[in-house]
Each structure stands twice: as structure tokens, then as C-alpha cells.
């Protein structure tokens, strides 16, 4: 026994283990469809042995924008099993940055564990000039192995910066400092000397609102973005496709166009639950008297793609707008 913390590593793919056509292929590397061989990402970082005993856990690897509901369900159940088995002090999940915030948020709502679960990715491919993958992974393992990270829920770590899964969002397409928590800021940092300093804790950390088993039963919920001149065609199409919920990413503090409002009201009359969100990067949508009268619900400062996940999970517990609103307010 090494005496070091034991950390499970689940590699799901993404830029962090992608291989571009050359060292300067920093933009189109996904089109090569090449990845590091299994285990090479871990083997290339012998320094990890100074901070943790890292154990690779087999998992399928692919671009994060290709994830399915089945993949989410399998990942969450794998993490829950590892977390409750008592063999690990922390878990690190490498993930493509395109949808990292969605998967991390989903696990924060469903996986129950006091040990750190850390999502990490990269903005430059493994063979790219100035690749950030190796240092991001090393710092993520440091974070997962740290007692300071316990009881903080699911975390996101890139560029030495630690975010709560509930707060993190991707804000840049190519920059290595692509993740932020608009209006809230990070929980802390993993510094150059290895110090893990978390100055804040997310107020909703604790027992998840849902279970891992709820993921497989998530109904169809579509997101419809508002813009000047938008009509109700996309809303009607979502209803026709079988959506049980619709997230309206409205303008400003949650305002769809008049035509969209009419279509949303018609959808609600057919039993579709409408969640009013906003396309604005930060800030909450207030449940106005008109929204309440229309039986719409809102989410507390949550981007539309996270609201979609929350609503899809909540719909399995209730179809009543008031009950769903209570659930969403607690997240």
C-alpha cells in the first residue's frame, strides 16, 4: 500500500485525449477522429504517483456532443457504484468541454457521495502545442485527493480553477480559461504549489434531489430560443415530437415573443410543462403574475440547457406546476 489517497479515473473522451493532425491543429482536431490509445493519458503522467494512487476505470470515449441518455445513465451509475464501494477517496472524470457542464450538473443532481467527484477537460488536444490537458488532469487528481474537497458536491476543474457543477458554464470556444461561473465566481483554486484552497461552498450541496435511476426515465424536454420575430413554429414542432416539457430561453428576464407566448400557452393547454428561462448568461427569471397564471415554472439562475435537465428529472415526480416549482427552487 502506498498510503496515498486512491482516486478512480473515468475517461469519457473529449479534447483532453484527442489527437490532431499536427501540433498546430488546435481547431479542427475532432475531424481526425483520432484519440490516444487506452491508458496512454494516465501513463504519460507518472507525476500523478506523487499525489494519489490513480486507478483507470474502463469507459467508452467519444466527443461530448455525441453523448446519449444511455451514456449519462451508465456514467452516473458507474460513479455512484465507485463512490459507495468504499475503495476510493475521490473520482476524476475526463470529459469533452462542449457539454461538460450538462453532465456535471446532471451528476450533481443524482449522485450521492461525500467524496469529491471532479470533472476535467482540456481546450487543446493532447498533441497540440501548449496542450493544457496534462496539467488540468494532474490538478484535478490533486483536487479529488484533497480532504478539503470533501462534501463540496460535484466539481469542475480547468485552468487551476474550481467551480461547483451547478455554477460552471463554458464561455469561450478556444481559450484555456473557457469556464466561468457568471455572477457567482469560482469556489476556489488548485495553486501551483499544490495547495487546494476552496473559499466557498455551494448552498445546495448535500443530498441530491434525484436518484441515479431517474436518469433513464427522463422524458423529452426541448429548448426553444427566442429572438426578434420568432414565431411558434419550433414550439409546435416540439409538442408534435412528443415533448413533455419545453424550456423557453426568452429575452431579458425571460420574455418570449407574443407569438411564442401564444404557442407556449397552447402547449400548456395540452399538458406540456413550460419552464421560462432566459438566453442571458447570468441572473434569474422572476415568476411574474402573468407567468404564474399561465402555469409556467422558472429556474433559479440556471442556463436553459441545465433547466432542461432539471425539468426532465422533476417531471418524473410530478406534473403539477406548483410542485415542480418547489423542486426547481430547491436546486
C-alpha atoms as a PDB file:
ATOM      1  CA  UNK A   1       0.000   0.000   0.000  1.00  0.00           C
ATOM      2  CA  UNK A   2       1.333   3.433  -0.947  1.00  0.00           C
ATOM      3  CA  UNK A   3      -0.542   5.316   1.755  1.00  0.00           C
ATOM      4  CA  UNK A   4      -1.625   7.849  -0.858  1.00  0.00           C
ATOM      5  CA  UNK A   5      -5.283   8.699  -1.486  1.00  0.00           C
ATOM      6  CA  UNK A   6      -6.898   6.356  -4.011  1.00  0.00           C
ATOM      7  CA  UNK A   7      -8.563   8.097  -6.969  1.00  0.00           C
ATOM      8  CA  UNK A   8     -10.655   6.487  -9.703  1.00  0.00           C
ATOM      9  CA  UNK A   9     -10.194   7.910 -13.203  1.00  0.00           C
ATOM     10  CA  UNK A  10     -13.010   7.603 -15.749  1.00  0.00           C
ATOM     11  CA  UNK A  11     -12.061   8.769 -19.251  1.00  0.00           C
ATOM     12  CA  UNK A  12     -15.056   9.607 -21.430  1.00  0.00           C
ATOM     13  CA  UNK A  13     -13.130  11.285 -24.234  1.00  0.00           C
ATOM     14  CA  UNK A  14     -13.147  14.872 -25.430  1.00  0.00           C
ATOM     15  CA  UNK A  15     -10.317  17.205 -26.361  1.00  0.00           C
ATOM     16  CA  UNK A  16      -8.174  16.035 -23.461  1.00  0.00           C
ATOM     17  CA  UNK A  17      -7.302  12.753 -25.225  1.00  0.00           C
ATOM     18  CA  UNK A  18      -7.933  13.853 -28.821  1.00  0.00           C
ATOM     19  CA  UNK A  19      -5.054  13.812 -31.312  1.00  0.00           C
ATOM     20  CA  UNK A  20      -4.869  16.441 -34.045  1.00  0.00           C
ATOM     21  CA  UNK A  21      -3.307  16.243 -37.497  1.00  0.00           C
ATOM     22  CA  UNK A  22      -0.305  18.244 -36.265  1.00  0.00           C
ATOM     23  CA  UNK A  23       0.893  20.208 -33.229  1.00  0.00           C
ATOM     24  CA  UNK A  24      -0.736  23.297 -34.707  1.00  0.00           C
ATOM     25  CA  UNK A  25      -4.106  21.619 -35.262  1.00  0.00           C
ATOM     26  CA  UNK A  26      -5.827  23.417 -32.386  1.00  0.00           C
ATOM     27  CA  UNK A  27      -9.199  23.959 -34.040  1.00  0.00           C
ATOM     28  CA  UNK A  28     -10.258  21.068 -36.314  1.00  0.00           C
ATOM     29  CA  UNK A  29      -8.686  18.129 -34.460  1.00  0.00           C
ATOM     30  CA  UNK A  30     -12.061  16.468 -33.844  1.00  0.00           C
ATOM     31  CA  UNK A  31     -12.316  15.817 -37.577  1.00  0.00           C
ATOM     32  CA  UNK A  32      -9.287  13.493 -37.470  1.00  0.00           C
ATOM     33  CA  UNK A  33     -11.294  11.170 -35.167  1.00  0.00           C
ATOM     34  CA  UNK A  34      -8.018  10.086 -33.544  1.00  0.00           C
ATOM     35  CA  UNK A  35      -7.535   9.509 -29.816  1.00  0.00           C
ATOM     36  CA  UNK A  36      -4.731   8.456 -27.536  1.00  0.00           C
ATOM     37  CA  UNK A  37      -4.649   4.678 -27.025  1.00  0.00           C
ATOM     38  CA  UNK A  38      -6.414   3.397 -23.916  1.00  0.00           C
ATOM     39  CA  UNK A  39      -4.385   4.160 -20.807  1.00  0.00           C
ATOM     40  CA  UNK A  40      -1.878   6.460 -22.502  1.00  0.00           C
ATOM     41  CA  UNK A  41      -3.270   9.649 -20.934  1.00  0.00           C
ATOM     42  CA  UNK A  42      -2.588   8.187 -17.497  1.00  0.00           C
ATOM     43  CA  UNK A  43       0.732   6.564 -18.473  1.00  0.00           C
ATOM     44  CA  UNK A  44       2.047   9.904 -19.747  1.00  0.00           C
ATOM     45  CA  UNK A  45       1.707  11.424 -16.263  1.00  0.00           C
ATOM     46  CA  UNK A  46       3.972   9.455 -13.899  1.00  0.00           C
ATOM     47  CA  UNK A  47       3.915  12.528 -11.636  1.00  0.00           C
ATOM     48  CA  UNK A  48       0.420  11.523 -10.573  1.00  0.00           C
ATOM     49  CA  UNK A  49       2.075   8.879  -8.414  1.00  0.00           C
ATOM     50  CA  UNK A  50       3.295  11.624  -6.106  1.00  0.00           C
ATOM     51  CA  UNK A  51      -0.214  12.744  -5.135  1.00  0.00           C
ATOM     52  CA  UNK A  52      -2.524   9.727  -5.498  1.00  0.00           C
ATOM     53  CA  UNK A  53      -2.875   6.099  -6.408  1.00  0.00           C
ATOM     54  CA  UNK A  54      -4.854   6.531  -9.636  1.00  0.00           C
ATOM     55  CA  UNK A  55      -6.877   3.605 -10.970  1.00  0.00           C
ATOM     56  CA  UNK A  56      -8.227   3.732 -14.515  1.00  0.00           C
ATOM     57  CA  UNK A  57     -11.872   2.635 -14.813  1.00  0.00           C
ATOM     58  CA  UNK A  58     -12.867   1.454 -18.331  1.00  0.00           C
ATOM     59  CA  UNK A  59     -15.461   3.569 -20.124  1.00  0.00           C
ATOM     60  CA  UNK A  60     -16.341   4.399 -23.725  1.00  0.00           C
ATOM     61  CA  UNK A  61     -14.693   7.504 -25.144  1.00  0.00           C
ATOM     62  CA  UNK A  62     -16.289   9.875 -27.643  1.00  0.00           C
ATOM     63  CA  UNK A  63     -16.908  13.596 -28.279  1.00  0.00           C
ATOM     64  CA  UNK A  64     -19.114  15.053 -25.569  1.00  0.00           C
ATOM     65  CA  UNK A  65     -21.603  16.371 -28.130  1.00  0.00           C
ATOM     66  CA  UNK A  66     -22.301  12.731 -29.090  1.00  0.00           C
ATOM     67  CA  UNK A  67     -23.486  11.685 -25.612  1.00  0.00           C
ATOM     68  CA  UNK A  68     -26.852   9.978 -25.238  1.00  0.00           C
ATOM     69  CA  UNK A  69     -29.236   9.455 -22.341  1.00  0.00           C
ATOM     70  CA  UNK A  70     -27.951   5.881 -22.067  1.00  0.00           C
ATOM     71  CA  UNK A  71     -24.375   7.168 -21.753  1.00  0.00           C
ATOM     72  CA  UNK A  72     -25.440   9.557 -18.997  1.00  0.00           C
ATOM     73  CA  UNK A  73     -27.230   6.783 -17.137  1.00  0.00           C
ATOM     74  CA  UNK A  74     -24.252   4.429 -17.360  1.00  0.00           C
ATOM     75  CA  UNK A  75     -21.783   7.118 -16.276  1.00  0.00           C
ATOM     76  CA  UNK A  76     -23.875   8.168 -13.294  1.00  0.00           C
ATOM     77  CA  UNK A  77     -24.433   4.588 -12.142  1.00  0.00           C
ATOM     78  CA  UNK A  78     -20.704   3.858 -12.535  1.00  0.00           C
ATOM     79  CA  UNK A  79     -19.784   6.890 -10.448  1.00  0.00           C
ATOM     80  CA  UNK A  80     -22.370   6.037  -7.779  1.00  0.00           C
ATOM     81  CA  UNK A  81     -21.072   2.472  -7.554  1.00  0.00           C
ATOM     82  CA  UNK A  82     -17.460   3.631  -7.224  1.00  0.00           C
ATOM     83  CA  UNK A  83     -18.409   6.274  -4.672  1.00  0.00           C
ATOM     84  CA  UNK A  84     -20.304   3.899  -2.405  1.00  0.00           C
ATOM     85  CA  UNK A  85     -17.875   0.985  -2.697  1.00  0.00           C
ATOM     86  CA  UNK A  86     -15.536   2.428  -0.097  1.00  0.00           C
ATOM     87  CA  UNK A  87     -12.401   1.843  -2.170  1.00  0.00           C
ATOM     88  CA  UNK A  88     -11.795   5.388  -3.376  1.00  0.00           C
ATOM     89  CA  UNK A  89     -11.120   8.780  -1.809  1.00  0.00           C
ATOM     90  CA  UNK A  90     -12.108  10.661  -4.945  1.00  0.00           C
ATOM     91  CA  UNK A  91     -13.227  10.295  -8.556  1.00  0.00           C
ATOM     92  CA  UNK A  92     -11.997  12.186 -11.628  1.00  0.00           C
ATOM     93  CA  UNK A  93     -13.942  12.200 -14.897  1.00  0.00           C
ATOM     94  CA  UNK A  94     -12.309  13.463 -18.084  1.00  0.00           C
ATOM     95  CA  UNK A  95     -14.947  14.892 -20.392  1.00  0.00           C
ATOM     96  CA  UNK A  96     -15.288  16.968 -23.529  1.00  0.00           C
ATOM     97  CA  UNK A  97     -15.824  20.621 -22.657  1.00  0.00           C
ATOM     98  CA  UNK A  98     -18.712  21.163 -25.095  1.00  0.00           C
ATOM     99  CA  UNK A  99     -21.253  19.520 -22.796  1.00  0.00           C
ATOM    100  CA  UNK A 100     -19.188  19.061 -19.635  1.00  0.00           C
ATOM    101  CA  UNK A 101     -21.396  21.469 -17.708  1.00  0.00           C
ATOM    102  CA  UNK A 102     -24.517  19.459 -18.563  1.00  0.00           C
ATOM    103  CA  UNK A 103     -23.106  16.102 -17.489  1.00  0.00           C
ATOM    104  CA  UNK A 104     -21.558  17.541 -14.336  1.00  0.00           C
ATOM    105  CA  UNK A 105     -24.850  19.229 -13.428  1.00  0.00           C
ATOM    106  CA  UNK A 106     -26.781  16.015 -14.024  1.00  0.00           C
ATOM    107  CA  UNK A 107     -24.484  14.051 -11.711  1.00  0.00           C
ATOM    108  CA  UNK A 108     -24.699  16.778  -9.074  1.00  0.00           C
ATOM    109  CA  UNK A 109     -28.477  16.224  -9.020  1.00  0.00           C
ATOM    110  CA  UNK A 110     -28.363  12.422  -8.899  1.00  0.00           C
ATOM    111  CA  UNK A 111     -25.135  11.039  -7.385  1.00  0.00           C
ATOM    112  CA  UNK A 112     -24.947  10.898  -3.599  1.00  0.00           C
ATOM    113  CA  UNK A 113     -21.463  10.844  -2.055  1.00  0.00           C
ATOM    114  CA  UNK A 114     -19.272  12.919   0.277  1.00  0.00           C
ATOM    115  CA  UNK A 115     -16.103  12.113  -1.697  1.00  0.00           C
ATOM    116  CA  UNK A 116     -15.026  14.571  -4.405  1.00  0.00           C
ATOM    117  CA  UNK A 117     -16.276  13.931  -7.933  1.00  0.00           C
ATOM    118  CA  UNK A 118     -14.249  16.149 -10.252  1.00  0.00           C
ATOM    119  CA  UNK A 119     -14.923  16.818 -13.935  1.00  0.00           C
ATOM    120  CA  UNK A 120     -11.954  17.943 -16.001  1.00  0.00           C
ATOM    121  CA  UNK A 121     -11.314  18.632 -19.662  1.00  0.00           C
ATOM    122  CA  UNK A 122      -8.976  20.485 -21.962  1.00  0.00           C
ATOM    123  CA  UNK A 123      -9.203  23.181 -24.583  1.00  0.00           C
ATOM    124  CA  UNK A 124      -6.260  21.949 -26.678  1.00  0.00           C
ATOM    125  CA  UNK A 125      -5.690  18.404 -27.980  1.00  0.00           C
ATOM    126  CA  UNK A 126      -3.210  16.031 -26.381  1.00  0.00           C
ATOM    127  CA  UNK A 127      -0.558  16.536 -29.076  1.00  0.00           C
ATOM    128  CA  UNK A 128      -1.231  20.240 -29.567  1.00  0.00           C
ATOM    129  CA  UNK A 129       1.321  22.972 -28.963  1.00  0.00           C
ATOM    130  CA  UNK A 130       0.660  24.272 -25.460  1.00  0.00           C
ATOM    131  CA  UNK A 131      -1.786  21.485 -24.609  1.00  0.00           C
ATOM    132  CA  UNK A 132      -3.487  22.077 -21.259  1.00  0.00           C
ATOM    133  CA  UNK A 133      -4.741  18.536 -20.779  1.00  0.00           C
ATOM    134  CA  UNK A 134      -1.883  17.105 -18.727  1.00  0.00           C
ATOM    135  CA  UNK A 135      -1.742  19.879 -16.149  1.00  0.00           C
ATOM    136  CA  UNK A 136      -5.537  20.025 -15.921  1.00  0.00           C
ATOM    137  CA  UNK A 137      -5.678  16.290 -15.220  1.00  0.00           C
ATOM    138  CA  UNK A 138      -2.884  16.489 -12.662  1.00  0.00           C
ATOM    139  CA  UNK A 139      -4.601  19.340 -10.829  1.00  0.00           C
ATOM    140  CA  UNK A 140      -7.949  17.537 -10.972  1.00  0.00           C
ATOM    141  CA  UNK A 141      -6.408  14.489  -9.286  1.00  0.00           C
ATOM    142  CA  UNK A 142      -4.874  16.777  -6.672  1.00  0.00           C
ATOM    143  CA  UNK A 143      -8.324  18.207  -6.039  1.00  0.00           C
ATOM    144  CA  UNK A 144     -10.050  14.822  -5.883  1.00  0.00           C
ATOM    145  CA  UNK A 145      -7.397  13.532  -3.470  1.00  0.00           C
ATOM    146  CA  UNK A 146      -7.685  16.508  -1.135  1.00  0.00           C
ATOM    147  CA  UNK A 147      -9.707  16.281   2.097  1.00  0.00           C
ATOM    148  CA  UNK A 148     -10.529  19.959   1.502  1.00  0.00           C
ATOM    149  CA  UNK A 149     -12.723  18.942  -1.444  1.00  0.00           C
ATOM    150  CA  UNK A 150     -14.952  16.542   0.506  1.00  0.00           C
ATOM    151  CA  UNK A 151     -18.603  17.452   0.922  1.00  0.00           C
ATOM    152  CA  UNK A 152     -18.435  20.039  -1.873  1.00  0.00           C
ATOM    153  CA  UNK A 153     -20.568  18.025  -4.261  1.00  0.00           C
ATOM    154  CA  UNK A 154     -19.641  17.562  -7.922  1.00  0.00           C
ATOM    155  CA  UNK A 155     -16.865  19.907  -9.024  1.00  0.00           C
ATOM    156  CA  UNK A 156     -15.473  21.212 -12.318  1.00  0.00           C
ATOM    157  CA  UNK A 157     -11.742  21.960 -12.585  1.00  0.00           C
ATOM    158  CA  UNK A 158      -9.946  23.599 -15.505  1.00  0.00           C
ATOM    159  CA  UNK A 159      -7.129  26.127 -15.679  1.00  0.00           C
ATOM    160  CA  UNK A 160      -6.411  25.677 -11.900  1.00  0.00           C
ATOM    161  CA  UNK A 161      -9.914  26.986 -11.147  1.00  0.00           C
ATOM    162  CA  UNK A 162     -12.589  25.066  -9.238  1.00  0.00           C
ATOM    163  CA  UNK A 163     -16.309  25.545  -9.848  1.00  0.00           C
ATOM    164  CA  UNK A 164     -19.438  23.963  -8.441  1.00  0.00           C
ATOM    165  CA  UNK A 165     -21.091  21.871 -11.135  1.00  0.00           C
ATOM    166  CA  UNK A 166     -24.265  23.896 -10.589  1.00  0.00           C
ATOM    167  CA  UNK A 167     -22.462  27.152 -11.468  1.00  0.00           C
ATOM    168  CA  UNK A 168     -19.966  26.285 -14.212  1.00  0.00           C
ATOM    169  CA  UNK A 169     -20.520  27.154 -17.857  1.00  0.00           C
ATOM    170  CA  UNK A 170     -18.322  27.320 -20.935  1.00  0.00           C
ATOM    171  CA  UNK A 171     -17.837  30.930 -22.001  1.00  0.00           C
ATOM    172  CA  UNK A 172     -15.226  30.716 -24.783  1.00  0.00           C
ATOM    173  CA  UNK A 173     -14.742  28.447 -27.773  1.00  0.00           C
ATOM    174  CA  UNK A 174     -10.935  28.155 -27.765  1.00  0.00           C
ATOM    175  CA  UNK A 175      -9.381  29.905 -24.732  1.00  0.00           C
ATOM    176  CA  UNK A 176      -7.855  27.773 -21.955  1.00  0.00           C
ATOM    177  CA  UNK A 177      -9.742  29.899 -19.394  1.00  0.00           C
ATOM    178  CA  UNK A 178     -13.008  28.952 -21.079  1.00  0.00           C
ATOM    179  CA  UNK A 179     -15.020  28.151 -17.946  1.00  0.00           C
ATOM    180  CA  UNK A 180     -16.625  30.617 -15.591  1.00  0.00           C
ATOM    181  CA  UNK A 181     -19.499  30.987 -13.150  1.00  0.00           C
ATOM    182  CA  UNK A 182     -21.237  34.191 -14.293  1.00  0.00           C
ATOM    183  CA  UNK A 183     -22.453  36.299 -11.394  1.00  0.00           C
ATOM    184  CA  UNK A 184     -21.122  33.822  -8.822  1.00  0.00           C
ATOM    185  CA  UNK A 185     -17.435  33.146  -9.379  1.00  0.00           C
ATOM    186  CA  UNK A 186     -15.377  30.026  -8.624  1.00  0.00           C
ATOM    187  CA  UNK A 187     -15.317  28.069  -5.381  1.00  0.00           C
ATOM    188  CA  UNK A 188     -11.533  28.286  -5.266  1.00  0.00           C
ATOM    189  CA  UNK A 189      -8.310  27.159  -6.895  1.00  0.00           C
ATOM    190  CA  UNK A 190      -5.656  24.467  -7.026  1.00  0.00           C
ATOM    191  CA  UNK A 191      -2.495  26.527  -6.826  1.00  0.00           C
ATOM    192  CA  UNK A 192       0.913  25.948  -8.414  1.00  0.00           C
ATOM    193  CA  UNK A 193       2.346  24.628  -5.145  1.00  0.00           C
ATOM    194  CA  UNK A 194      -0.401  22.029  -4.839  1.00  0.00           C
ATOM    195  CA  UNK A 195      -2.457  23.901  -2.260  1.00  0.00           C
ATOM    196  CA  UNK A 196      -6.179  23.205  -2.638  1.00  0.00           C
ATOM    197  CA  UNK A 197      -7.995  26.255  -1.386  1.00  0.00           C
ATOM    198  CA  UNK A 198     -11.785  26.349  -1.598  1.00  0.00           C
ATOM    199  CA  UNK A 199     -13.117  29.587  -0.159  1.00  0.00           C
ATOM    200  CA  UNK A 200     -16.816  28.949  -0.772  1.00  0.00           C
ATOM    201  CA  UNK A 201     -19.285  26.085  -0.713  1.00  0.00           C
ATOM    202  CA  UNK A 202     -22.400  25.824  -2.860  1.00  0.00           C
ATOM    203  CA  UNK A 203     -25.542  26.305  -0.779  1.00  0.00           C
ATOM    204  CA  UNK A 204     -27.313  23.289  -2.330  1.00  0.00           C
ATOM    205  CA  UNK A 205     -24.576  20.723  -1.656  1.00  0.00           C
ATOM    206  CA  UNK A 206     -25.830  17.721   0.258  1.00  0.00           C
ATOM    207  CA  UNK A 207     -28.344  15.017  -0.551  1.00  0.00           C
ATOM    208  CA  UNK A 208     -29.183  15.116  -4.290  1.00  0.00           C
ATOM    209  CA  UNK A 209     -32.741  15.969  -5.254  1.00  0.00           C
ATOM    210  CA  UNK A 210     -32.984  12.921  -7.537  1.00  0.00           C
ATOM    211  CA  UNK A 211     -31.606   9.400  -7.917  1.00  0.00           C
ATOM    212  CA  UNK A 212     -29.295   7.879 -10.498  1.00  0.00           C
ATOM    213  CA  UNK A 213     -32.180   5.629 -11.533  1.00  0.00           C
ATOM    214  CA  UNK A 214     -34.207   8.685 -12.579  1.00  0.00           C
ATOM    215  CA  UNK A 215     -31.887   9.418 -15.494  1.00  0.00           C
ATOM    216  CA  UNK A 216     -33.049   6.552 -17.711  1.00  0.00           C
ATOM    217  CA  UNK A 217     -36.659   7.726 -17.453  1.00  0.00           C
ATOM    218  CA  UNK A 218     -36.047  11.378 -18.340  1.00  0.00           C
ATOM    219  CA  UNK A 219     -38.807  12.436 -20.774  1.00  0.00           C
ATOM    220  CA  UNK A 220     -38.282  14.575 -23.826  1.00  0.00           C
ATOM    221  CA  UNK A 221     -37.794  18.237 -22.935  1.00  0.00           C
ATOM    222  CA  UNK A 222     -36.870  20.696 -25.687  1.00  0.00           C
ATOM    223  CA  UNK A 223     -35.219  24.119 -25.508  1.00  0.00           C
ATOM    224  CA  UNK A 224     -36.571  26.897 -27.740  1.00  0.00           C
ATOM    225  CA  UNK A 225     -34.507  30.075 -28.084  1.00  0.00           C
ATOM    226  CA  UNK A 226     -36.258  33.400 -28.507  1.00  0.00           C
ATOM    227  CA  UNK A 227     -35.196  36.145 -30.922  1.00  0.00           C
ATOM    228  CA  UNK A 228     -36.794  39.088 -32.692  1.00  0.00           C
ATOM    229  CA  UNK A 229     -39.556  37.850 -34.972  1.00  0.00           C
ATOM    230  CA  UNK A 230     -39.621  34.292 -33.584  1.00  0.00           C
ATOM    231  CA  UNK A 231     -42.970  32.608 -34.147  1.00  0.00           C
ATOM    232  CA  UNK A 232     -44.365  29.492 -32.514  1.00  0.00           C
ATOM    233  CA  UNK A 233     -43.275  27.010 -35.194  1.00  0.00           C
ATOM    234  CA  UNK A 234     -40.480  25.427 -33.162  1.00  0.00           C
ATOM    235  CA  UNK A 235     -42.688  25.193 -30.076  1.00  0.00           C
ATOM    236  CA  UNK A 236     -45.414  23.466 -32.076  1.00  0.00           C
ATOM    237  CA  UNK A 237     -42.800  21.132 -33.550  1.00  0.00           C
ATOM    238  CA  UNK A 238     -41.564  20.217 -30.071  1.00  0.00           C
ATOM    239  CA  UNK A 239     -45.103  19.381 -28.972  1.00  0.00           C
ATOM    240  CA  UNK A 240     -45.663  17.325 -32.115  1.00  0.00           C
ATOM    241  CA  UNK A 241     -42.410  15.447 -31.440  1.00  0.00           C
ATOM    242  CA  UNK A 242     -43.696  14.390 -28.024  1.00  0.00           C
ATOM    243  CA  UNK A 243     -42.053  16.898 -25.690  1.00  0.00           C
ATOM    244  CA  UNK A 244     -43.458  16.685 -22.179  1.00  0.00           C
ATOM    245  CA  UNK A 245     -41.666  19.862 -21.225  1.00  0.00           C
ATOM    246  CA  UNK A 246     -40.393  22.956 -23.036  1.00  0.00           C
ATOM    247  CA  UNK A 247     -37.750  25.358 -21.796  1.00  0.00           C
ATOM    248  CA  UNK A 248     -38.303  28.787 -23.313  1.00  0.00           C
ATOM    249  CA  UNK A 249     -34.983  30.651 -23.469  1.00  0.00           C
ATOM    250  CA  UNK A 250     -36.587  34.070 -23.565  1.00  0.00           C
ATOM    251  CA  UNK A 251     -35.066  37.500 -23.984  1.00  0.00           C
ATOM    252  CA  UNK A 252     -34.021  39.600 -20.998  1.00  0.00           C
ATOM    253  CA  UNK A 253     -35.550  38.392 -17.758  1.00  0.00           C
ATOM    254  CA  UNK A 254     -37.483  35.675 -19.565  1.00  0.00           C
ATOM    255  CA  UNK A 255     -39.605  37.262 -22.275  1.00  0.00           C
ATOM    256  CA  UNK A 256     -40.552  35.278 -25.395  1.00  0.00           C
ATOM    257  CA  UNK A 257     -42.196  36.986 -28.366  1.00  0.00           C
ATOM    258  CA  UNK A 258     -46.004  37.339 -28.395  1.00  0.00           C
ATOM    259  CA  UNK A 259     -46.280  34.573 -30.995  1.00  0.00           C
ATOM    260  CA  UNK A 260     -44.113  32.291 -28.871  1.00  0.00           C
ATOM    261  CA  UNK A 261     -46.207  33.069 -25.782  1.00  0.00           C
ATOM    262  CA  UNK A 262     -49.355  32.057 -27.630  1.00  0.00           C
ATOM    263  CA  UNK A 263     -47.706  28.797 -28.721  1.00  0.00           C
ATOM    264  CA  UNK A 264     -46.430  28.134 -25.194  1.00  0.00           C
ATOM    265  CA  UNK A 265     -49.924  28.690 -23.783  1.00  0.00           C
ATOM    266  CA  UNK A 266     -51.322  26.260 -26.338  1.00  0.00           C
ATOM    267  CA  UNK A 267     -48.641  23.724 -25.385  1.00  0.00           C
ATOM    268  CA  UNK A 268     -49.506  24.106 -21.700  1.00  0.00           C
ATOM    269  CA  UNK A 269     -53.176  23.536 -22.526  1.00  0.00           C
ATOM    270  CA  UNK A 270     -52.144  20.177 -23.997  1.00  0.00           C
ATOM    271  CA  UNK A 271     -50.373  19.206 -20.765  1.00  0.00           C
ATOM    272  CA  UNK A 272     -46.823  20.271 -21.651  1.00  0.00           C
ATOM    273  CA  UNK A 273     -44.990  21.865 -18.720  1.00  0.00           C
ATOM    274  CA  UNK A 274     -43.394  25.167 -19.751  1.00  0.00           C
ATOM    275  CA  UNK A 275     -40.288  26.417 -17.970  1.00  0.00           C
ATOM    276  CA  UNK A 276     -39.456  30.058 -18.590  1.00  0.00           C
ATOM    277  CA  UNK A 277     -35.709  30.591 -18.777  1.00  0.00           C
ATOM    278  CA  UNK A 278     -33.521  33.251 -20.378  1.00  0.00           C
ATOM    279  CA  UNK A 279     -30.844  33.465 -23.032  1.00  0.00           C
ATOM    280  CA  UNK A 280     -28.964  35.977 -20.815  1.00  0.00           C
ATOM    281  CA  UNK A 281     -25.748  34.456 -19.348  1.00  0.00           C
ATOM    282  CA  UNK A 282     -26.472  35.301 -15.706  1.00  0.00           C
ATOM    283  CA  UNK A 283     -29.342  36.235 -13.459  1.00  0.00           C
ATOM    284  CA  UNK A 284     -32.599  34.577 -12.504  1.00  0.00           C
ATOM    285  CA  UNK A 285     -36.042  34.700 -14.086  1.00  0.00           C
ATOM    286  CA  UNK A 286     -38.686  36.002 -11.722  1.00  0.00           C
ATOM    287  CA  UNK A 287     -42.025  34.190 -11.760  1.00  0.00           C
ATOM    288  CA  UNK A 288     -44.297  37.077 -12.719  1.00  0.00           C
ATOM    289  CA  UNK A 289     -48.056  37.094 -12.033  1.00  0.00           C
ATOM    290  CA  UNK A 290     -48.715  36.508 -15.747  1.00  0.00           C
ATOM    291  CA  UNK A 291     -46.313  33.539 -15.840  1.00  0.00           C
ATOM    292  CA  UNK A 292     -47.875  32.074 -12.711  1.00  0.00           C
ATOM    293  CA  UNK A 293     -51.364  32.481 -14.153  1.00  0.00           C
ATOM    294  CA  UNK A 294     -50.197  30.688 -17.292  1.00  0.00           C
ATOM    295  CA  UNK A 295     -48.924  27.811 -15.088  1.00  0.00           C
ATOM    296  CA  UNK A 296     -45.321  28.294 -16.171  1.00  0.00           C
ATOM    297  CA  UNK A 297     -42.362  27.495 -13.936  1.00  0.00           C
ATOM    298  CA  UNK A 298     -38.928  29.087 -13.695  1.00  0.00           C
ATOM    299  CA  UNK A 299     -35.449  28.004 -12.601  1.00  0.00           C
ATOM    300  CA  UNK A 300     -33.167  29.891 -10.189  1.00  0.00           C
ATOM    301  CA  UNK A 301     -30.454  31.453 -12.339  1.00  0.00           C
ATOM    302  CA  UNK A 302     -29.920  28.354 -14.457  1.00  0.00           C
ATOM    303  CA  UNK A 303     -28.950  28.320 -18.158  1.00  0.00           C
ATOM    304  CA  UNK A 304     -31.538  26.757 -20.484  1.00  0.00           C
ATOM    305  CA  UNK A 305     -29.609  23.509 -21.056  1.00  0.00           C
ATOM    306  CA  UNK A 306     -29.370  22.922 -17.309  1.00  0.00           C
ATOM    307  CA  UNK A 307     -33.026  23.889 -16.876  1.00  0.00           C
ATOM    308  CA  UNK A 308     -33.848  21.189 -19.430  1.00  0.00           C
ATOM    309  CA  UNK A 309     -32.127  18.556 -17.268  1.00  0.00           C
ATOM    310  CA  UNK A 310     -33.766  19.778 -14.068  1.00  0.00           C
ATOM    311  CA  UNK A 311     -37.227  19.853 -15.635  1.00  0.00           C
ATOM    312  CA  UNK A 312     -36.835  16.395 -17.203  1.00  0.00           C
ATOM    313  CA  UNK A 313     -35.935  14.956 -13.805  1.00  0.00           C
ATOM    314  CA  UNK A 314     -38.679  16.871 -11.975  1.00  0.00           C
ATOM    315  CA  UNK A 315     -41.360  15.721 -14.416  1.00  0.00           C
ATOM    316  CA  UNK A 316     -40.892  12.167 -13.163  1.00  0.00           C
ATOM    317  CA  UNK A 317     -42.015  13.238  -9.704  1.00  0.00           C
ATOM    318  CA  UNK A 318     -44.945  15.479 -10.629  1.00  0.00           C
ATOM    319  CA  UNK A 319     -46.797  17.158 -13.468  1.00  0.00           C
ATOM    320  CA  UNK A 320     -48.176  19.887 -11.208  1.00  0.00           C
ATOM    321  CA  UNK A 321     -46.603  23.299 -11.859  1.00  0.00           C
ATOM    322  CA  UNK A 322     -46.627  24.327  -8.196  1.00  0.00           C
ATOM    323  CA  UNK A 323     -44.916  21.132  -7.074  1.00  0.00           C
ATOM    324  CA  UNK A 324     -42.368  21.351  -9.890  1.00  0.00           C
ATOM    325  CA  UNK A 325     -41.649  24.959  -8.961  1.00  0.00           C
ATOM    326  CA  UNK A 326     -40.850  23.946  -5.382  1.00  0.00           C
ATOM    327  CA  UNK A 327     -38.469  21.299  -6.663  1.00  0.00           C
ATOM    328  CA  UNK A 328     -36.716  23.645  -9.092  1.00  0.00           C
ATOM    329  CA  UNK A 329     -36.360  26.343  -6.418  1.00  0.00           C
ATOM    330  CA  UNK A 330     -34.508  23.859  -4.219  1.00  0.00           C
ATOM    331  CA  UNK A 331     -31.781  23.108  -6.773  1.00  0.00           C
END
